[in-house]
């Protein structure tokens, strides 16, 4: 996990996917891949690549059959 998060280094797609994970995590405790694809309107492979990046950066963590939020240094309002 990256120790010094730089949210500005994330792509627009990564931020869009992160926001979908965050929204679903607040509502149901986690986000499954299919739900992220539907929520973002992106192709599954693009969501997979983005989730991989977010996991590598520590923003998202694997959780059960889906994903949850990792440690972050910025606030979200949901």
PDB file of N, CA and C in Angstrom:
ATOM      1  N   UNK A   1       0.846  -1.181   0.000  1.00  0.00           N
ATOM      2  CA  UNK A   1       0.000   0.000   0.000  1.00  0.00           C
ATOM      3  C   UNK A   1       0.883   1.233   0.000  1.00  0.00           C
ATOM      4  N   UNK A   2       0.541   2.213  -0.803  1.00  0.00           N
ATOM      5  CA  UNK A   2       1.283   3.458  -0.858  1.00  0.00           C
ATOM      6  C   UNK A   2       1.068   4.233   0.438  1.00  0.00           C
ATOM      7  N   UNK A   3       2.143   4.767   0.965  1.00  0.00           N
ATOM      8  CA  UNK A   3       2.035   5.509   2.216  1.00  0.00           C
ATOM      9  C   UNK A   3       1.640   6.968   1.973  1.00  0.00           C
ATOM     10  N   UNK A   4       2.172   7.561   0.929  1.00  0.00           N
ATOM     11  CA  UNK A   4       1.865   8.943   0.609  1.00  0.00           C
ATOM     12  C   UNK A   4       0.910   8.982  -0.564  1.00  0.00           C
ATOM     13  N   UNK A   5      -0.366   9.049  -0.265  1.00  0.00           N
ATOM     14  CA  UNK A   5      -1.374   9.080  -1.312  1.00  0.00           C
ATOM     15  C   UNK A   5      -1.327  10.428  -2.013  1.00  0.00           C
ATOM     16  N   UNK A   6      -1.447  10.397  -3.313  1.00  0.00           N
ATOM     17  CA  UNK A   6      -1.535  11.620  -4.095  1.00  0.00           C
ATOM     18  C   UNK A   6      -2.759  11.496  -4.976  1.00  0.00           C
ATOM     19  N   UNK A   7      -3.888  11.968  -4.475  1.00  0.00           N
ATOM     20  CA  UNK A   7      -5.136  11.825  -5.208  1.00  0.00           C
ATOM     21  C   UNK A   7      -5.057  12.518  -6.561  1.00  0.00           C
ATOM     22  N   UNK A   8      -4.208  13.510  -6.697  1.00  0.00           N
ATOM     23  CA  UNK A   8      -4.068  14.208  -7.970  1.00  0.00           C
ATOM     24  C   UNK A   8      -3.386  13.342  -9.020  1.00  0.00           C
ATOM     25  N   UNK A   9      -2.736  12.268  -8.600  1.00  0.00           N
ATOM     26  CA  UNK A   9      -2.080  11.374  -9.550  1.00  0.00           C
ATOM     27  C   UNK A   9      -3.061  10.370 -10.153  1.00  0.00           C
ATOM     28  N   UNK A  10      -4.273  10.292  -9.607  1.00  0.00           N
ATOM     29  CA  UNK A  10      -5.275   9.367 -10.135  1.00  0.00           C
ATOM     30  C   UNK A  10      -5.908   9.947 -11.396  1.00  0.00           C
ATOM     31  N   UNK A  11      -6.267   9.050 -12.320  1.00  0.00           N
ATOM     32  CA  UNK A  11      -6.947   9.482 -13.545  1.00  0.00           C
ATOM     33  C   UNK A  11      -8.407   9.800 -13.233  1.00  0.00           C
ATOM     34  N   UNK A  12      -9.070  10.444 -14.178  1.00  0.00           N
ATOM     35  CA  UNK A  12     -10.496  10.729 -14.020  1.00  0.00           C
ATOM     36  C   UNK A  12     -11.291   9.429 -13.870  1.00  0.00           C
ATOM     37  N   UNK A  13     -10.899   8.394 -14.612  1.00  0.00           N
ATOM     38  CA  UNK A  13     -11.576   7.096 -14.506  1.00  0.00           C
ATOM     39  C   UNK A  13     -11.382   6.529 -13.108  1.00  0.00           C
ATOM     40  N   UNK A  14     -10.151   6.590 -12.584  1.00  0.00           N
ATOM     41  CA  UNK A  14      -9.890   6.070 -11.245  1.00  0.00           C
ATOM     42  C   UNK A  14     -10.731   6.799 -10.198  1.00  0.00           C
ATOM     43  N   UNK A  15     -10.832   8.093 -10.321  1.00  0.00           N
ATOM     44  CA  UNK A  15     -11.626   8.867  -9.364  1.00  0.00           C
ATOM     45  C   UNK A  15     -13.104   8.500  -9.490  1.00  0.00           C
ATOM     46  N   UNK A  16     -13.576   8.326 -10.711  1.00  0.00           N
ATOM     47  CA  UNK A  16     -14.975   7.934 -10.950  1.00  0.00           C
ATOM     48  C   UNK A  16     -15.262   6.571 -10.308  1.00  0.00           C
ATOM     49  N   UNK A  17     -14.357   5.623 -10.495  1.00  0.00           N
ATOM     50  CA  UNK A  17     -14.530   4.288  -9.911  1.00  0.00           C
ATOM     51  C   UNK A  17     -14.432   4.365  -8.396  1.00  0.00           C
ATOM     52  N   UNK A  18     -13.481   5.132  -7.878  1.00  0.00           N
ATOM     53  CA  UNK A  18     -13.344   5.283  -6.431  1.00  0.00           C
ATOM     54  C   UNK A  18     -14.638   5.841  -5.824  1.00  0.00           C
ATOM     55  N   UNK A  19     -15.201   6.850  -6.469  1.00  0.00           N
ATOM     56  CA  UNK A  19     -16.439   7.431  -5.958  1.00  0.00           C
ATOM     57  C   UNK A  19     -17.573   6.408  -5.961  1.00  0.00           C
ATOM     58  N   UNK A  20     -17.602   5.548  -6.975  1.00  0.00           N
ATOM     59  CA  UNK A  20     -18.626   4.491  -7.016  1.00  0.00           C
ATOM     60  C   UNK A  20     -18.409   3.496  -5.873  1.00  0.00           C
ATOM     61  N   UNK A  21     -17.163   3.120  -5.627  1.00  0.00           N
ATOM     62  CA  UNK A  21     -16.864   2.225  -4.502  1.00  0.00           C
ATOM     63  C   UNK A  21     -17.296   2.885  -3.201  1.00  0.00           C
ATOM     64  N   UNK A  22     -16.931   4.152  -3.023  1.00  0.00           N
ATOM     65  CA  UNK A  22     -17.260   4.865  -1.784  1.00  0.00           C
ATOM     66  C   UNK A  22     -18.762   4.941  -1.574  1.00  0.00           C
ATOM     67  N   UNK A  23     -19.491   5.273  -2.619  1.00  0.00           N
ATOM     68  CA  UNK A  23     -20.940   5.381  -2.517  1.00  0.00           C
ATOM     69  C   UNK A  23     -21.565   4.046  -2.121  1.00  0.00           C
ATOM     70  N   UNK A  24     -21.136   2.976  -2.774  1.00  0.00           N
ATOM     71  CA  UNK A  24     -21.695   1.661  -2.479  1.00  0.00           C
ATOM     72  C   UNK A  24     -21.236   1.152  -1.120  1.00  0.00           C
ATOM     73  N   UNK A  25     -20.033   1.496  -0.712  1.00  0.00           N
ATOM     74  CA  UNK A  25     -19.541   1.075   0.605  1.00  0.00           C
ATOM     75  C   UNK A  25     -20.369   1.719   1.704  1.00  0.00           C
ATOM     76  N   UNK A  26     -20.745   2.968   1.507  1.00  0.00           N
ATOM     77  CA  UNK A  26     -21.577   3.661   2.490  1.00  0.00           C
ATOM     78  C   UNK A  26     -22.962   3.026   2.544  1.00  0.00           C
ATOM     79  N   UNK A  27     -23.509   2.687   1.381  1.00  0.00           N
ATOM     80  CA  UNK A  27     -24.863   2.135   1.317  1.00  0.00           C
ATOM     81  C   UNK A  27     -24.939   0.686   1.768  1.00  0.00           C
ATOM     82  N   UNK A  28     -23.963  -0.136   1.342  1.00  0.00           N
ATOM     83  CA  UNK A  28     -24.091  -1.574   1.605  1.00  0.00           C
ATOM     84  C   UNK A  28     -22.854  -2.217   2.217  1.00  0.00           C
ATOM     85  N   UNK A  29     -21.842  -1.443   2.526  1.00  0.00           N
ATOM     86  CA  UNK A  29     -20.651  -1.989   3.160  1.00  0.00           C
ATOM     87  C   UNK A  29     -19.584  -2.473   2.198  1.00  0.00           C
ATOM     88  N   UNK A  30     -19.873  -2.482   0.914  1.00  0.00           N
ATOM     89  CA  UNK A  30     -18.886  -2.923  -0.069  1.00  0.00           C
ATOM     90  C   UNK A  30     -19.446  -2.807  -1.470  1.00  0.00           C
ATOM     91  N   UNK A  31     -18.579  -2.999  -2.450  1.00  0.00           N
ATOM     92  CA  UNK A  31     -18.983  -2.862  -3.842  1.00  0.00           C
ATOM     93  C   UNK A  31     -18.476  -4.057  -4.642  1.00  0.00           C
ATOM     94  N   UNK A  32     -19.372  -4.716  -5.351  1.00  0.00           N
ATOM     95  CA  UNK A  32     -18.979  -5.817  -6.221  1.00  0.00           C
ATOM     96  C   UNK A  32     -18.710  -5.280  -7.621  1.00  0.00           C
ATOM     97  N   UNK A  33     -17.904  -6.003  -8.378  1.00  0.00           N
ATOM     98  CA  UNK A  33     -17.480  -5.558  -9.701  1.00  0.00           C
ATOM     99  C   UNK A  33     -18.664  -5.230 -10.605  1.00  0.00           C
ATOM    100  N   UNK A  34     -19.646  -6.112 -10.686  1.00  0.00           N
ATOM    101  CA  UNK A  34     -20.803  -5.868 -11.548  1.00  0.00           C
ATOM    102  C   UNK A  34     -21.531  -4.586 -11.190  1.00  0.00           C
ATOM    103  N   UNK A  35     -21.661  -4.335  -9.901  1.00  0.00           N
ATOM    104  CA  UNK A  35     -22.325  -3.113  -9.448  1.00  0.00           C
ATOM    105  C   UNK A  35     -21.510  -1.881  -9.828  1.00  0.00           C
ATOM    106  N   UNK A  36     -20.182  -1.999  -9.779  1.00  0.00           N
ATOM    107  CA  UNK A  36     -19.332  -0.873 -10.182  1.00  0.00           C
ATOM    108  C   UNK A  36     -19.456  -0.596 -11.672  1.00  0.00           C
ATOM    109  N   UNK A  37     -19.537  -1.654 -12.464  1.00  0.00           N
ATOM    110  CA  UNK A  37     -19.702  -1.487 -13.909  1.00  0.00           C
ATOM    111  C   UNK A  37     -21.013  -0.756 -14.186  1.00  0.00           C
ATOM    112  N   UNK A  38     -22.072  -1.177 -13.534  1.00  0.00           N
ATOM    113  CA  UNK A  38     -23.374  -0.523 -13.741  1.00  0.00           C
ATOM    114  C   UNK A  38     -23.356   0.920 -13.243  1.00  0.00           C
ATOM    115  N   UNK A  39     -22.762   1.146 -12.093  1.00  0.00           N
ATOM    116  CA  UNK A  39     -22.762   2.485 -11.501  1.00  0.00           C
ATOM    117  C   UNK A  39     -21.925   3.480 -12.307  1.00  0.00           C
ATOM    118  N   UNK A  40     -20.843   3.003 -12.888  1.00  0.00           N
ATOM    119  CA  UNK A  40     -19.953   3.913 -13.615  1.00  0.00           C
ATOM    120  C   UNK A  40     -20.292   4.040 -15.087  1.00  0.00           C
ATOM    121  N   UNK A  41     -20.947   3.015 -15.656  1.00  0.00           N
ATOM    122  CA  UNK A  41     -21.222   3.021 -17.082  1.00  0.00           C
ATOM    123  C   UNK A  41     -19.994   2.709 -17.923  1.00  0.00           C
ATOM    124  N   UNK A  42     -18.932   2.233 -17.276  1.00  0.00           N
ATOM    125  CA  UNK A  42     -17.690   1.888 -17.971  1.00  0.00           C
ATOM    126  C   UNK A  42     -17.682   0.414 -18.350  1.00  0.00           C
ATOM    127  N   UNK A  43     -16.803   0.053 -19.251  1.00  0.00           N
ATOM    128  CA  UNK A  43     -16.612  -1.351 -19.617  1.00  0.00           C
ATOM    129  C   UNK A  43     -15.984  -2.085 -18.433  1.00  0.00           C
ATOM    130  N   UNK A  44     -16.309  -3.368 -18.299  1.00  0.00           N
ATOM    131  CA  UNK A  44     -15.796  -4.148 -17.174  1.00  0.00           C
ATOM    132  C   UNK A  44     -14.270  -4.127 -17.109  1.00  0.00           C
ATOM    133  N   UNK A  45     -13.594  -4.276 -18.235  1.00  0.00           N
ATOM    134  CA  UNK A  45     -12.124  -4.302 -18.222  1.00  0.00           C
ATOM    135  C   UNK A  45     -11.551  -2.973 -17.729  1.00  0.00           C
ATOM    136  N   UNK A  46     -12.187  -1.865 -18.087  1.00  0.00           N
ATOM    137  CA  UNK A  46     -11.719  -0.560 -17.627  1.00  0.00           C
ATOM    138  C   UNK A  46     -11.897  -0.430 -16.117  1.00  0.00           C
ATOM    139  N   UNK A  47     -13.016  -0.935 -15.598  1.00  0.00           N
ATOM    140  CA  UNK A  47     -13.244  -0.910 -14.153  1.00  0.00           C
ATOM    141  C   UNK A  47     -12.225  -1.807 -13.458  1.00  0.00           C
ATOM    142  N   UNK A  48     -11.952  -2.985 -14.020  1.00  0.00           N
ATOM    143  CA  UNK A  48     -10.949  -3.891 -13.434  1.00  0.00           C
ATOM    144  C   UNK A  48      -9.577  -3.217 -13.352  1.00  0.00           C
ATOM    145  N   UNK A  49      -9.165  -2.568 -14.438  1.00  0.00           N
ATOM    146  CA  UNK A  49      -7.860  -1.883 -14.441  1.00  0.00           C
ATOM    147  C   UNK A  49      -7.828  -0.781 -13.383  1.00  0.00           C
ATOM    148  N   UNK A  50      -8.905  -0.032 -13.304  1.00  0.00           N
ATOM    149  CA  UNK A  50      -8.963   1.052 -12.337  1.00  0.00           C
ATOM    150  C   UNK A  50      -8.932   0.525 -10.901  1.00  0.00           C
ATOM    151  N   UNK A  51      -9.713  -0.512 -10.635  1.00  0.00           N
ATOM    152  CA  UNK A  51      -9.718  -1.102  -9.287  1.00  0.00           C
ATOM    153  C   UNK A  51      -8.319  -1.608  -8.932  1.00  0.00           C
ATOM    154  N   UNK A  52      -7.634  -2.212  -9.884  1.00  0.00           N
ATOM    155  CA  UNK A  52      -6.262  -2.679  -9.634  1.00  0.00           C
ATOM    156  C   UNK A  52      -5.366  -1.515  -9.239  1.00  0.00           C
ATOM    157  N   UNK A  53      -5.470  -0.411  -9.960  1.00  0.00           N
ATOM    158  CA  UNK A  53      -4.690   0.785  -9.623  1.00  0.00           C
ATOM    159  C   UNK A  53      -5.043   1.287  -8.237  1.00  0.00           C
ATOM    160  N   UNK A  54      -6.334   1.355  -7.947  1.00  0.00           N
ATOM    161  CA  UNK A  54      -6.779   1.845  -6.638  1.00  0.00           C
ATOM    162  C   UNK A  54      -6.321   0.938  -5.501  1.00  0.00           C
ATOM    163  N   UNK A  55      -6.293  -0.367  -5.737  1.00  0.00           N
ATOM    164  CA  UNK A  55      -5.782  -1.301  -4.730  1.00  0.00           C
ATOM    165  C   UNK A  55      -4.291  -1.091  -4.537  1.00  0.00           C
ATOM    166  N   UNK A  56      -3.553  -0.971  -5.643  1.00  0.00           N
ATOM    167  CA  UNK A  56      -2.102  -0.749  -5.560  1.00  0.00           C
ATOM    168  C   UNK A  56      -1.773   0.521  -4.787  1.00  0.00           C
ATOM    169  N   UNK A  57      -2.615   1.534  -4.923  1.00  0.00           N
ATOM    170  CA  UNK A  57      -2.391   2.805  -4.237  1.00  0.00           C
ATOM    171  C   UNK A  57      -2.953   2.816  -2.815  1.00  0.00           C
ATOM    172  N   UNK A  58      -3.711   1.781  -2.462  1.00  0.00           N
ATOM    173  CA  UNK A  58      -4.249   1.671  -1.111  1.00  0.00           C
ATOM    174  C   UNK A  58      -5.579   2.365  -0.897  1.00  0.00           C
ATOM    175  N   UNK A  59      -6.180   2.906  -1.949  1.00  0.00           N
ATOM    176  CA  UNK A  59      -7.464   3.591  -1.811  1.00  0.00           C
ATOM    177  C   UNK A  59      -8.628   2.616  -1.677  1.00  0.00           C
ATOM    178  N   UNK A  60      -8.484   1.439  -2.274  1.00  0.00           N
ATOM    179  CA  UNK A  60      -9.512   0.410  -2.256  1.00  0.00           C
ATOM    180  C   UNK A  60      -8.865  -0.888  -1.772  1.00  0.00           C
ATOM    181  N   UNK A  61      -9.625  -1.684  -1.033  1.00  0.00           N
ATOM    182  CA  UNK A  61      -9.123  -2.966  -0.547  1.00  0.00           C
ATOM    183  C   UNK A  61     -10.088  -4.074  -0.929  1.00  0.00           C
ATOM    184  N   UNK A  62      -9.552  -5.258  -1.242  1.00  0.00           N
ATOM    185  CA  UNK A  62     -10.442  -6.402  -1.473  1.00  0.00           C
ATOM    186  C   UNK A  62     -11.226  -6.684  -0.196  1.00  0.00           C
ATOM    187  N   UNK A  63     -12.499  -7.007  -0.375  1.00  0.00           N
ATOM    188  CA  UNK A  63     -13.360  -7.243   0.793  1.00  0.00           C
ATOM    189  C   UNK A  63     -14.409  -8.268   0.402  1.00  0.00           C
ATOM    190  N   UNK A  64     -14.297  -9.457   0.909  1.00  0.00           N
ATOM    191  CA  UNK A  64     -15.248 -10.503   0.550  1.00  0.00           C
ATOM    192  C   UNK A  64     -15.233 -10.741  -0.942  1.00  0.00           C
ATOM    193  N   UNK A  65     -16.403 -10.659  -1.577  1.00  0.00           N
ATOM    194  CA  UNK A  65     -16.508 -10.843  -3.023  1.00  0.00           C
ATOM    195  C   UNK A  65     -16.362  -9.524  -3.777  1.00  0.00           C
ATOM    196  N   UNK A  66     -16.077  -8.454  -3.066  1.00  0.00           N
ATOM    197  CA  UNK A  66     -16.003  -7.148  -3.703  1.00  0.00           C
ATOM    198  C   UNK A  66     -14.868  -6.305  -3.169  1.00  0.00           C
ATOM    199  N   UNK A  67     -15.181  -5.030  -2.967  1.00  0.00           N
ATOM    200  CA  UNK A  67     -14.163  -4.065  -2.587  1.00  0.00           C
ATOM    201  C   UNK A  67     -14.716  -3.093  -1.560  1.00  0.00           C
ATOM    202  N   UNK A  68     -13.830  -2.630  -0.708  1.00  0.00           N
ATOM    203  CA  UNK A  68     -14.178  -1.614   0.275  1.00  0.00           C
ATOM    204  C   UNK A  68     -13.172  -0.497   0.206  1.00  0.00           C
ATOM    205  N   UNK A  69     -13.364   0.491   1.035  1.00  0.00           N
ATOM    206  CA  UNK A  69     -12.454   1.632   1.057  1.00  0.00           C
ATOM    207  C   UNK A  69     -11.216   1.324   1.879  1.00  0.00           C
ATOM    208  N   UNK A  70     -10.080   1.741   1.366  1.00  0.00           N
ATOM    209  CA  UNK A  70      -8.841   1.660   2.108  1.00  0.00           C
ATOM    210  C   UNK A  70      -8.619   2.968   2.842  1.00  0.00           C
ATOM    211  N   UNK A  71      -7.464   3.090   3.420  1.00  0.00           N
ATOM    212  CA  UNK A  71      -7.098   4.332   4.100  1.00  0.00           C
ATOM    213  C   UNK A  71      -7.004   5.452   3.071  1.00  0.00           C
ATOM    214  N   UNK A  72      -7.446   6.634   3.455  1.00  0.00           N
ATOM    215  CA  UNK A  72      -7.322   7.763   2.550  1.00  0.00           C
ATOM    216  C   UNK A  72      -7.087   9.037   3.357  1.00  0.00           C
ATOM    217  N   UNK A  73      -6.571  10.037   2.676  1.00  0.00           N
ATOM    218  CA  UNK A  73      -6.196  11.273   3.350  1.00  0.00           C
ATOM    219  C   UNK A  73      -7.052  12.450   2.905  1.00  0.00           C
ATOM    220  N   UNK A  74      -8.193  12.157   2.310  1.00  0.00           N
ATOM    221  CA  UNK A  74      -9.076  13.224   1.859  1.00  0.00           C
ATOM    222  C   UNK A  74     -10.495  12.875   2.267  1.00  0.00           C
ATOM    223  N   UNK A  75     -11.345  13.854   2.362  1.00  0.00           N
ATOM    224  CA  UNK A  75     -12.707  13.635   2.825  1.00  0.00           C
ATOM    225  C   UNK A  75     -13.685  13.394   1.691  1.00  0.00           C
ATOM    226  N   UNK A  76     -14.752  12.691   2.022  1.00  0.00           N
ATOM    227  CA  UNK A  76     -15.855  12.448   1.088  1.00  0.00           C
ATOM    228  C   UNK A  76     -17.145  12.826   1.771  1.00  0.00           C
ATOM    229  N   UNK A  77     -18.051  13.408   1.023  1.00  0.00           N
ATOM    230  CA  UNK A  77     -19.365  13.723   1.552  1.00  0.00           C
ATOM    231  C   UNK A  77     -20.397  12.869   0.845  1.00  0.00           C
ATOM    232  N   UNK A  78     -21.030  11.938   1.581  1.00  0.00           N
ATOM    233  CA  UNK A  78     -22.089  11.084   1.028  1.00  0.00           C
ATOM    234  C   UNK A  78     -23.216  11.018   2.016  1.00  0.00           C
TER     235      UNK A  78
END
